[in-house]
Full PDB file with SEQRES, HELIX, SHEET, SSBOND, CRYST1, ORIGX, SCALE, CONECT and MASTER records, all heavy atoms in Angstrom:
SEQRES   1 A   31  PRO PHE GLU ALA LEU HIS ARG VAL GLN ALA VAL PRO THR          
SEQRES   2 A   31  ALA GLY ILE GLU THR ARG PHE ARG ALA PRO SER ARG HIS          
SEQRES   3 A   31  GLY ASP GLN LEU THR                                          
HELIX    1 AA1 PHE A    2  LEU A    5  1                                   4    
CRYST1    1.000    1.000    1.000  90.00  90.00  90.00 P 1           1          
ORIGX1      1.000000  0.000000  0.000000        0.00000                         
ORIGX2      0.000000  1.000000  0.000000        0.00000                         
ORIGX3      0.000000  0.000000  1.000000        0.00000                         
SCALE1      1.000000  0.000000  0.000000        0.00000                         
SCALE2      0.000000  1.000000  0.000000        0.00000                         
SCALE3      0.000000  0.000000  1.000000        0.00000                         
ATOM      1  N   PRO A   1      55.066 204.901  83.914  1.00  0.00           N  
ATOM      2  CA  PRO A   1      56.073 204.153  84.668  1.00  0.00           C  
ATOM      3  C   PRO A   1      56.308 202.768  84.071  1.00  0.00           C  
ATOM      4  O   PRO A   1      55.408 202.139  83.511  1.00  0.00           O  
ATOM      5  CB  PRO A   1      55.480 204.059  86.076  1.00  0.00           C  
ATOM      6  CG  PRO A   1      54.025 204.290  85.910  1.00  0.00           C  
ATOM      7  CD  PRO A   1      53.853 205.155  84.690  1.00  0.00           C  
ATOM      8  N   PHE A   2      57.535 202.309  84.194  1.00  0.00           N  
ATOM      9  CA  PHE A   2      57.910 201.008  83.650  1.00  0.00           C  
ATOM     10  C   PHE A   2      57.022 199.884  84.176  1.00  0.00           C  
ATOM     11  O   PHE A   2      56.731 198.941  83.452  1.00  0.00           O  
ATOM     12  CB  PHE A   2      59.378 200.707  83.954  1.00  0.00           C  
ATOM     13  CG  PHE A   2      60.350 201.223  82.935  1.00  0.00           C  
ATOM     14  CD1 PHE A   2      60.010 202.209  82.021  1.00  0.00           C  
ATOM     15  CD2 PHE A   2      61.637 200.719  82.895  1.00  0.00           C  
ATOM     16  CE1 PHE A   2      60.922 202.674  81.083  1.00  0.00           C  
ATOM     17  CE2 PHE A   2      62.570 201.179  81.963  1.00  0.00           C  
ATOM     18  CZ  PHE A   2      62.198 202.151  81.058  1.00  0.00           C  
ATOM     19  N   GLU A   3      56.591 199.985  85.439  1.00  0.00           N  
ATOM     20  CA  GLU A   3      55.771 198.893  85.972  1.00  0.00           C  
ATOM     21  C   GLU A   3      54.430 198.790  85.250  1.00  0.00           C  
ATOM     22  O   GLU A   3      53.833 197.707  85.191  1.00  0.00           O  
ATOM     23  CB  GLU A   3      55.578 198.996  87.489  1.00  0.00           C  
ATOM     24  CG  GLU A   3      54.893 200.261  87.957  1.00  0.00           C  
ATOM     25  CD  GLU A   3      55.845 201.390  88.301  1.00  0.00           C  
ATOM     26  OE1 GLU A   3      57.016 201.388  87.874  1.00  0.00           O  
ATOM     27  OE2 GLU A   3      55.394 202.306  89.020  1.00  0.00           O  
ATOM     28  N   ALA A   4      53.948 199.868  84.661  1.00  0.00           N  
ATOM     29  CA  ALA A   4      52.732 199.825  83.832  1.00  0.00           C  
ATOM     30  C   ALA A   4      53.096 199.472  82.391  1.00  0.00           C  
ATOM     31  O   ALA A   4      52.476 198.589  81.780  1.00  0.00           O  
ATOM     32  CB  ALA A   4      51.998 201.164  83.886  1.00  0.00           C  
ATOM     33  N   LEU A   5      54.077 200.134  81.849  1.00  0.00           N  
ATOM     34  CA  LEU A   5      54.512 199.918  80.466  1.00  0.00           C  
ATOM     35  C   LEU A   5      54.912 198.471  80.226  1.00  0.00           C  
ATOM     36  O   LEU A   5      54.513 197.844  79.244  1.00  0.00           O  
ATOM     37  CB  LEU A   5      55.682 200.857  80.149  1.00  0.00           C  
ATOM     38  CG  LEU A   5      56.519 200.582  78.906  1.00  0.00           C  
ATOM     39  CD1 LEU A   5      55.691 200.709  77.645  1.00  0.00           C  
ATOM     40  CD2 LEU A   5      57.709 201.514  78.858  1.00  0.00           C  
ATOM     41  N   HIS A   6      55.688 197.902  81.125  1.00  0.00           N  
ATOM     42  CA  HIS A   6      56.259 196.576  80.903  1.00  0.00           C  
ATOM     43  C   HIS A   6      55.287 195.427  81.141  1.00  0.00           C  
ATOM     44  O   HIS A   6      55.686 194.265  81.004  1.00  0.00           O  
ATOM     45  CB  HIS A   6      57.517 196.410  81.750  1.00  0.00           C  
ATOM     46  CG  HIS A   6      58.691 197.137  81.169  1.00  0.00           C  
ATOM     47  ND1 HIS A   6      59.963 196.935  81.604  1.00  0.00           N  
ATOM     48  CD2 HIS A   6      58.784 198.070  80.191  1.00  0.00           C  
ATOM     49  CE1 HIS A   6      60.793 197.701  80.916  1.00  0.00           C  
ATOM     50  NE2 HIS A   6      60.095 198.409  80.070  1.00  0.00           N  
ATOM     51  N   ARG A   7      54.040 195.725  81.433  1.00  0.00           N  
ATOM     52  CA  ARG A   7      53.044 194.647  81.531  1.00  0.00           C  
ATOM     53  C   ARG A   7      52.801 194.010  80.167  1.00  0.00           C  
ATOM     54  O   ARG A   7      52.605 192.799  80.081  1.00  0.00           O  
ATOM     55  CB  ARG A   7      51.739 195.175  82.115  1.00  0.00           C  
ATOM     56  CG  ARG A   7      51.835 195.467  83.585  1.00  0.00           C  
ATOM     57  CD  ARG A   7      50.484 195.835  84.184  1.00  0.00           C  
ATOM     58  NE  ARG A   7      50.697 196.232  85.560  1.00  0.00           N  
ATOM     59  CZ  ARG A   7      50.257 197.366  86.079  1.00  0.00           C  
ATOM     60  NH1 ARG A   7      49.537 198.198  85.360  1.00  0.00           N  
ATOM     61  NH2 ARG A   7      50.518 197.665  87.331  1.00  0.00           N  
ATOM     62  N   VAL A   8      52.796 194.814  79.113  1.00  0.00           N  
ATOM     63  CA  VAL A   8      52.518 194.284  77.767  1.00  0.00           C  
ATOM     64  C   VAL A   8      53.472 194.823  76.705  1.00  0.00           C  
ATOM     65  O   VAL A   8      53.426 194.383  75.558  1.00  0.00           O  
ATOM     66  CB  VAL A   8      51.063 194.573  77.335  1.00  0.00           C  
ATOM     67  CG1 VAL A   8      50.076 193.817  78.200  1.00  0.00           C  
ATOM     68  CG2 VAL A   8      50.771 196.058  77.349  1.00  0.00           C  
ATOM     69  N   GLN A   9      54.310 195.780  77.056  1.00  0.00           N  
ATOM     70  CA  GLN A   9      55.246 196.379  76.115  1.00  0.00           C  
ATOM     71  C   GLN A   9      56.600 196.540  76.797  1.00  0.00           C  
ATOM     72  O   GLN A   9      56.748 196.216  77.979  1.00  0.00           O  
ATOM     73  CB  GLN A   9      54.727 197.745  75.645  1.00  0.00           C  
ATOM     74  CG  GLN A   9      53.441 197.648  74.851  1.00  0.00           C  
ATOM     75  CD  GLN A   9      52.796 199.005  74.665  1.00  0.00           C  
ATOM     76  OE1 GLN A   9      52.505 199.688  75.641  1.00  0.00           O  
ATOM     77  NE2 GLN A   9      52.550 199.373  73.420  1.00  0.00           N  
ATOM     78  N   ALA A  10      57.565 197.064  76.046  1.00  0.00           N  
ATOM     79  CA  ALA A  10      58.893 197.345  76.604  1.00  0.00           C  
ATOM     80  C   ALA A  10      59.559 198.401  75.734  1.00  0.00           C  
ATOM     81  O   ALA A  10      59.096 198.685  74.629  1.00  0.00           O  
ATOM     82  CB  ALA A  10      59.741 196.077  76.654  1.00  0.00           C  
ATOM     83  N   VAL A  11      60.638 198.980  76.240  1.00  0.00           N  
ATOM     84  CA  VAL A  11      61.415 199.957  75.482  1.00  0.00           C  
ATOM     85  C   VAL A  11      62.898 199.574  75.545  1.00  0.00           C  
ATOM     86  O   VAL A  11      63.693 200.241  76.200  1.00  0.00           O  
ATOM     87  CB  VAL A  11      61.189 201.412  75.962  1.00  0.00           C  
ATOM     88  CG1 VAL A  11      59.865 201.942  75.485  1.00  0.00           C  
ATOM     89  CG2 VAL A  11      61.318 201.529  77.468  1.00  0.00           C  
ATOM     90  N   PRO A  12      63.276 198.511  74.844  1.00  0.00           N  
ATOM     91  CA  PRO A  12      64.685 198.125  74.851  1.00  0.00           C  
ATOM     92  C   PRO A  12      65.551 199.147  74.126  1.00  0.00           C  
ATOM     93  O   PRO A  12      65.075 199.898  73.267  1.00  0.00           O  
ATOM     94  CB  PRO A  12      64.688 196.780  74.116  1.00  0.00           C  
ATOM     95  CG  PRO A  12      63.479 196.815  73.255  1.00  0.00           C  
ATOM     96  CD  PRO A  12      62.461 197.625  74.014  1.00  0.00           C  
ATOM     97  N   THR A  13      66.815 199.143  74.473  1.00  0.00           N  
ATOM     98  CA  THR A  13      67.797 199.984  73.806  1.00  0.00           C  
ATOM     99  C   THR A  13      68.248 199.261  72.537  1.00  0.00           C  
ATOM    100  O   THR A  13      68.757 198.145  72.603  1.00  0.00           O  
ATOM    101  CB  THR A  13      69.000 200.246  74.733  1.00  0.00           C  
ATOM    102  OG1 THR A  13      68.523 200.900  75.913  1.00  0.00           O  
ATOM    103  CG2 THR A  13      70.043 201.110  74.061  1.00  0.00           C  
ATOM    104  N   ALA A  14      68.048 199.918  71.394  1.00  0.00           N  
ATOM    105  CA  ALA A  14      68.410 199.321  70.110  1.00  0.00           C  
ATOM    106  C   ALA A  14      69.834 199.683  69.694  1.00  0.00           C  
ATOM    107  O   ALA A  14      70.444 198.988  68.890  1.00  0.00           O  
ATOM    108  CB  ALA A  14      67.425 199.767  69.034  1.00  0.00           C  
ATOM    109  N   GLY A  15      70.346 200.773  70.214  1.00  0.00           N  
ATOM    110  CA  GLY A  15      71.705 201.201  69.904  1.00  0.00           C  
ATOM    111  C   GLY A  15      72.173 202.183  70.951  1.00  0.00           C  
ATOM    112  O   GLY A  15      71.367 202.922  71.516  1.00  0.00           O  
ATOM    113  N   ILE A  16      73.479 202.147  71.219  1.00  0.00           N  
ATOM    114  CA  ILE A  16      74.022 203.055  72.220  1.00  0.00           C  
ATOM    115  C   ILE A  16      75.494 203.320  71.907  1.00  0.00           C  
ATOM    116  O   ILE A  16      76.212 202.417  71.469  1.00  0.00           O  
ATOM    117  CB  ILE A  16      73.843 202.489  73.653  1.00  0.00           C  
ATOM    118  CG1 ILE A  16      74.137 203.549  74.718  1.00  0.00           C  
ATOM    119  CG2 ILE A  16      74.661 201.233  73.858  1.00  0.00           C  
ATOM    120  CD1 ILE A  16      73.640 203.175  76.111  1.00  0.00           C  
ATOM    121  N   GLU A  17      75.897 204.558  72.103  1.00  0.00           N  
ATOM    122  CA  GLU A  17      77.294 204.941  71.932  1.00  0.00           C  
ATOM    123  C   GLU A  17      77.654 205.853  73.093  1.00  0.00           C  
ATOM    124  O   GLU A  17      76.976 206.853  73.339  1.00  0.00           O  
ATOM    125  CB  GLU A  17      77.496 205.688  70.614  1.00  0.00           C  
ATOM    126  CG  GLU A  17      78.932 206.076  70.361  1.00  0.00           C  
ATOM    127  CD  GLU A  17      79.108 206.788  69.040  1.00  0.00           C  
ATOM    128  OE1 GLU A  17      78.309 206.589  68.119  1.00  0.00           O  
ATOM    129  OE2 GLU A  17      80.074 207.582  68.947  1.00  0.00           O  
ATOM    130  N   THR A  18      78.708 205.489  73.805  1.00  0.00           N  
ATOM    131  CA  THR A  18      79.072 206.212  75.027  1.00  0.00           C  
ATOM    132  C   THR A  18      80.539 206.606  74.998  1.00  0.00           C  
ATOM    133  O   THR A  18      81.387 205.846  74.554  1.00  0.00           O  
ATOM    134  CB  THR A  18      78.793 205.322  76.263  1.00  0.00           C  
ATOM    135  OG1 THR A  18      77.431 204.914  76.231  1.00  0.00           O  
ATOM    136  CG2 THR A  18      79.083 206.063  77.554  1.00  0.00           C  
ATOM    137  N   ARG A  19      80.767 207.802  75.503  1.00  0.00           N  
ATOM    138  CA  ARG A  19      82.145 208.294  75.663  1.00  0.00           C  
ATOM    139  C   ARG A  19      82.339 208.620  77.144  1.00  0.00           C  
ATOM    140  O   ARG A  19      81.588 209.415  77.710  1.00  0.00           O  
ATOM    141  CB  ARG A  19      82.362 209.526  74.812  1.00  0.00           C  
ATOM    142  CG  ARG A  19      83.769 210.048  74.917  1.00  0.00           C  
ATOM    143  CD  ARG A  19      84.004 211.167  73.924  1.00  0.00           C  
ATOM    144  NE  ARG A  19      85.334 211.666  74.083  1.00  0.00           N  
ATOM    145  CZ  ARG A  19      86.343 211.385  73.275  1.00  0.00           C  
ATOM    146  NH1 ARG A  19      86.155 210.609  72.240  1.00  0.00           N  
ATOM    147  NH2 ARG A  19      87.531 211.881  73.500  1.00  0.00           N  
ATOM    148  N   PHE A  20      83.348 207.986  77.731  1.00  0.00           N  
ATOM    149  CA  PHE A  20      83.656 208.209  79.135  1.00  0.00           C  
ATOM    150  C   PHE A  20      84.708 209.305  79.216  1.00  0.00           C  
ATOM    151  O   PHE A  20      85.777 209.193  78.644  1.00  0.00           O  
ATOM    152  CB  PHE A  20      84.144 206.913  79.781  1.00  0.00           C  
ATOM    153  CG  PHE A  20      83.128 205.808  79.691  1.00  0.00           C  
ATOM    154  CD1 PHE A  20      83.252 204.806  78.746  1.00  0.00           C  
ATOM    155  CD2 PHE A  20      82.023 205.802  80.521  1.00  0.00           C  
ATOM    156  CE1 PHE A  20      82.313 203.796  78.649  1.00  0.00           C  
ATOM    157  CE2 PHE A  20      81.066 204.805  80.429  1.00  0.00           C  
ATOM    158  CZ  PHE A  20      81.216 203.789  79.480  1.00  0.00           C  
ATOM    159  N   ARG A  21      84.388 210.384  79.934  1.00  0.00           N  
ATOM    160  CA  ARG A  21      85.248 211.563  79.977  1.00  0.00           C  
ATOM    161  C   ARG A  21      86.210 211.570  81.164  1.00  0.00           C  
ATOM    162  O   ARG A  21      87.339 212.014  81.041  1.00  0.00           O  
ATOM    163  CB  ARG A  21      84.393 212.828  80.041  1.00  0.00           C  
ATOM    164  CG  ARG A  21      83.405 212.967  78.925  1.00  0.00           C  
ATOM    165  CD  ARG A  21      84.075 213.587  77.762  1.00  0.00           C  
ATOM    166  NE  ARG A  21      83.137 213.763  76.662  1.00  0.00           N  
ATOM    167  CZ  ARG A  21      83.527 214.042  75.454  1.00  0.00           C  
ATOM    168  NH1 ARG A  21      84.796 214.187  75.184  1.00  0.00           N  
ATOM    169  NH2 ARG A  21      82.655 214.171  74.497  1.00  0.00           N  
ATOM    170  N   ALA A  22      85.741 211.125  82.312  1.00  0.00           N  
ATOM    171  CA  ALA A  22      86.562 211.130  83.528  1.00  0.00           C  
ATOM    172  C   ALA A  22      85.991 210.096  84.487  1.00  0.00           C  
ATOM    173  O   ALA A  22      84.797 209.805  84.441  1.00  0.00           O  
ATOM    174  CB  ALA A  22      86.553 212.517  84.177  1.00  0.00           C  
ATOM    175  N   PRO A  23      86.824 209.543  85.343  1.00  0.00           N  
ATOM    176  CA  PRO A  23      86.328 208.538  86.286  1.00  0.00           C  
ATOM    177  C   PRO A  23      85.470 209.153  87.392  1.00  0.00           C  
ATOM    178  O   PRO A  23      85.613 210.331  87.730  1.00  0.00           O  
ATOM    179  CB  PRO A  23      87.606 207.930  86.871  1.00  0.00           C  
ATOM    180  CG  PRO A  23      88.638 208.994  86.715  1.00  0.00           C  
ATOM    181  CD  PRO A  23      88.263 209.764  85.477  1.00  0.00           C  
ATOM    182  N   SER A  24      84.579 208.338  87.909  1.00  0.00           N  
ATOM    183  CA  SER A  24      83.785 208.721  89.082  1.00  0.00           C  
ATOM    184  C   SER A  24      84.184 207.797  90.223  1.00  0.00           C  
ATOM    185  O   SER A  24      84.525 206.636  90.005  1.00  0.00           O  
ATOM    186  CB  SER A  24      82.290 208.577  88.791  1.00  0.00           C  
ATOM    187  OG  SER A  24      81.894 209.454  87.776  1.00  0.00           O  
ATOM    188  N   ARG A  25      84.110 208.342  91.427  1.00  0.00           N  
ATOM    189  CA  ARG A  25      84.551 207.599  92.608  1.00  0.00           C  
ATOM    190  C   ARG A  25      83.415 207.461  93.625  1.00  0.00           C  
ATOM    191  O   ARG A  25      82.463 208.238  93.613  1.00  0.00           O  
ATOM    192  CB  ARG A  25      85.740 208.311  93.249  1.00  0.00           C  
ATOM    193  CG  ARG A  25      86.909 208.425  92.294  1.00  0.00           C  
ATOM    194  CD  ARG A  25      88.158 209.006  92.949  1.00  0.00           C  
ATOM    195  NE  ARG A  25      89.224 209.142  91.975  1.00  0.00           N  
ATOM    196  CZ  ARG A  25      89.939 208.141  91.472  1.00  0.00           C  
ATOM    197  NH1 ARG A  25      89.698 206.909  91.871  1.00  0.00           N  
ATOM    198  NH2 ARG A  25      90.885 208.353  90.582  1.00  0.00           N  
ATOM    199  N   HIS A  26      83.595 206.484  94.491  1.00  0.00           N  
ATOM    200  CA  HIS A  26      82.621 206.221  95.554  1.00  0.00           C  
ATOM    201  C   HIS A  26      82.298 207.521  96.290  1.00  0.00           C  
ATOM    202  O   HIS A  26      83.186 208.246  96.712  1.00  0.00           O  
ATOM    203  CB  HIS A  26      83.215 205.181  96.509  1.00  0.00           C  
ATOM    204  CG  HIS A  26      82.248 204.677  97.512  1.00  0.00           C  
ATOM    205  ND1 HIS A  26      82.640 204.014  98.631  1.00  0.00           N  
ATOM    206  CD2 HIS A  26      80.906 204.718  97.578  1.00  0.00           C  
ATOM    207  CE1 HIS A  26      81.590 203.674  99.351  1.00  0.00           C  
ATOM    208  NE2 HIS A  26      80.519 204.092  98.727  1.00  0.00           N  
ATOM    209  N   GLY A  27      81.006 207.822  96.395  1.00  0.00           N  
ATOM    210  CA  GLY A  27      80.553 209.022  97.093  1.00  0.00           C  
ATOM    211  C   GLY A  27      80.292 210.213  96.197  1.00  0.00           C  
ATOM    212  O   GLY A  27      79.651 211.180  96.619  1.00  0.00           O  
ATOM    213  N   ASP A  28      80.783 210.188  94.950  1.00  0.00           N  
ATOM    214  CA  ASP A  28      80.518 211.308  94.035  1.00  0.00           C  
ATOM    215  C   ASP A  28      79.017 211.471  93.824  1.00  0.00           C  
ATOM    216  O   ASP A  28      78.270 210.486  93.768  1.00  0.00           O  
ATOM    217  CB  ASP A  28      81.175 211.087  92.665  1.00  0.00           C  
ATOM    218  CG  ASP A  28      82.668 211.348  92.658  1.00  0.00           C  
ATOM    219  OD1 ASP A  28      83.204 211.815  93.682  1.00  0.00           O  
ATOM    220  OD2 ASP A  28      83.301 211.065  91.617  1.00  0.00           O  
ATOM    221  N   GLN A  29      78.600 212.702  93.709  1.00  0.00           N  
ATOM    222  CA  GLN A  29      77.194 213.026  93.427  1.00  0.00           C  
ATOM    223  C   GLN A  29      77.099 213.386  91.941  1.00  0.00           C  
ATOM    224  O   GLN A  29      77.550 214.444  91.528  1.00  0.00           O  
ATOM    225  CB  GLN A  29      76.729 214.208  94.287  1.00  0.00           C  
ATOM    226  CG  GLN A  29      76.758 213.940  95.770  1.00  0.00           C  
ATOM    227  CD  GLN A  29      75.640 213.012  96.223  1.00  0.00           C  
ATOM    228  OE1 GLN A  29      74.627 212.843  95.569  1.00  0.00           O  
ATOM    229  NE2 GLN A  29      75.833 212.408  97.383  1.00  0.00           N  
ATOM    230  N   LEU A  30      76.524 212.495  91.168  1.00  0.00           N  
ATOM    231  CA  LEU A  30      76.381 212.714  89.735  1.00  0.00           C  
ATOM    232  C   LEU A  30      75.011 213.290  89.413  1.00  0.00           C  
ATOM    233  O   LEU A  30      74.030 212.998  90.103  1.00  0.00           O  
ATOM    234  CB  LEU A  30      76.549 211.407  88.952  1.00  0.00           C  
ATOM    235  CG  LEU A  30      77.829 210.617  89.165  1.00  0.00           C  
ATOM    236  CD1 LEU A  30      77.802 209.353  88.322  1.00  0.00           C  
ATOM    237  CD2 LEU A  30      79.049 211.462  88.857  1.00  0.00           C  
ATOM    238  N   THR A  31      74.949 214.069  88.359  1.00  0.00           N  
ATOM    239  CA  THR A  31      73.692 214.511  87.774  1.00  0.00           C  
ATOM    240  C   THR A  31      73.670 214.000  86.348  1.00  0.00           C  
ATOM    241  O   THR A  31      74.571 214.310  85.564  1.00  0.00           O  
ATOM    242  CB  THR A  31      73.560 216.044  87.788  1.00  0.00           C  
ATOM    243  OG1 THR A  31      73.639 216.492  89.143  1.00  0.00           O  
ATOM    244  CG2 THR A  31      72.244 216.486  87.174  1.00  0.00           C  
TER     245      THR A  31                                                      
MASTER        0    0    0    1    0    0    0    6  244    1    0    3          
END                                                                             
């Protein structure tokens, strides 16, 4: 868990690429 990991280490995001396919609306259930 992050609360244990982040005491002395971390896992930052070094790179990210995202494609948005369709909008999501209030109340939508995402997986």
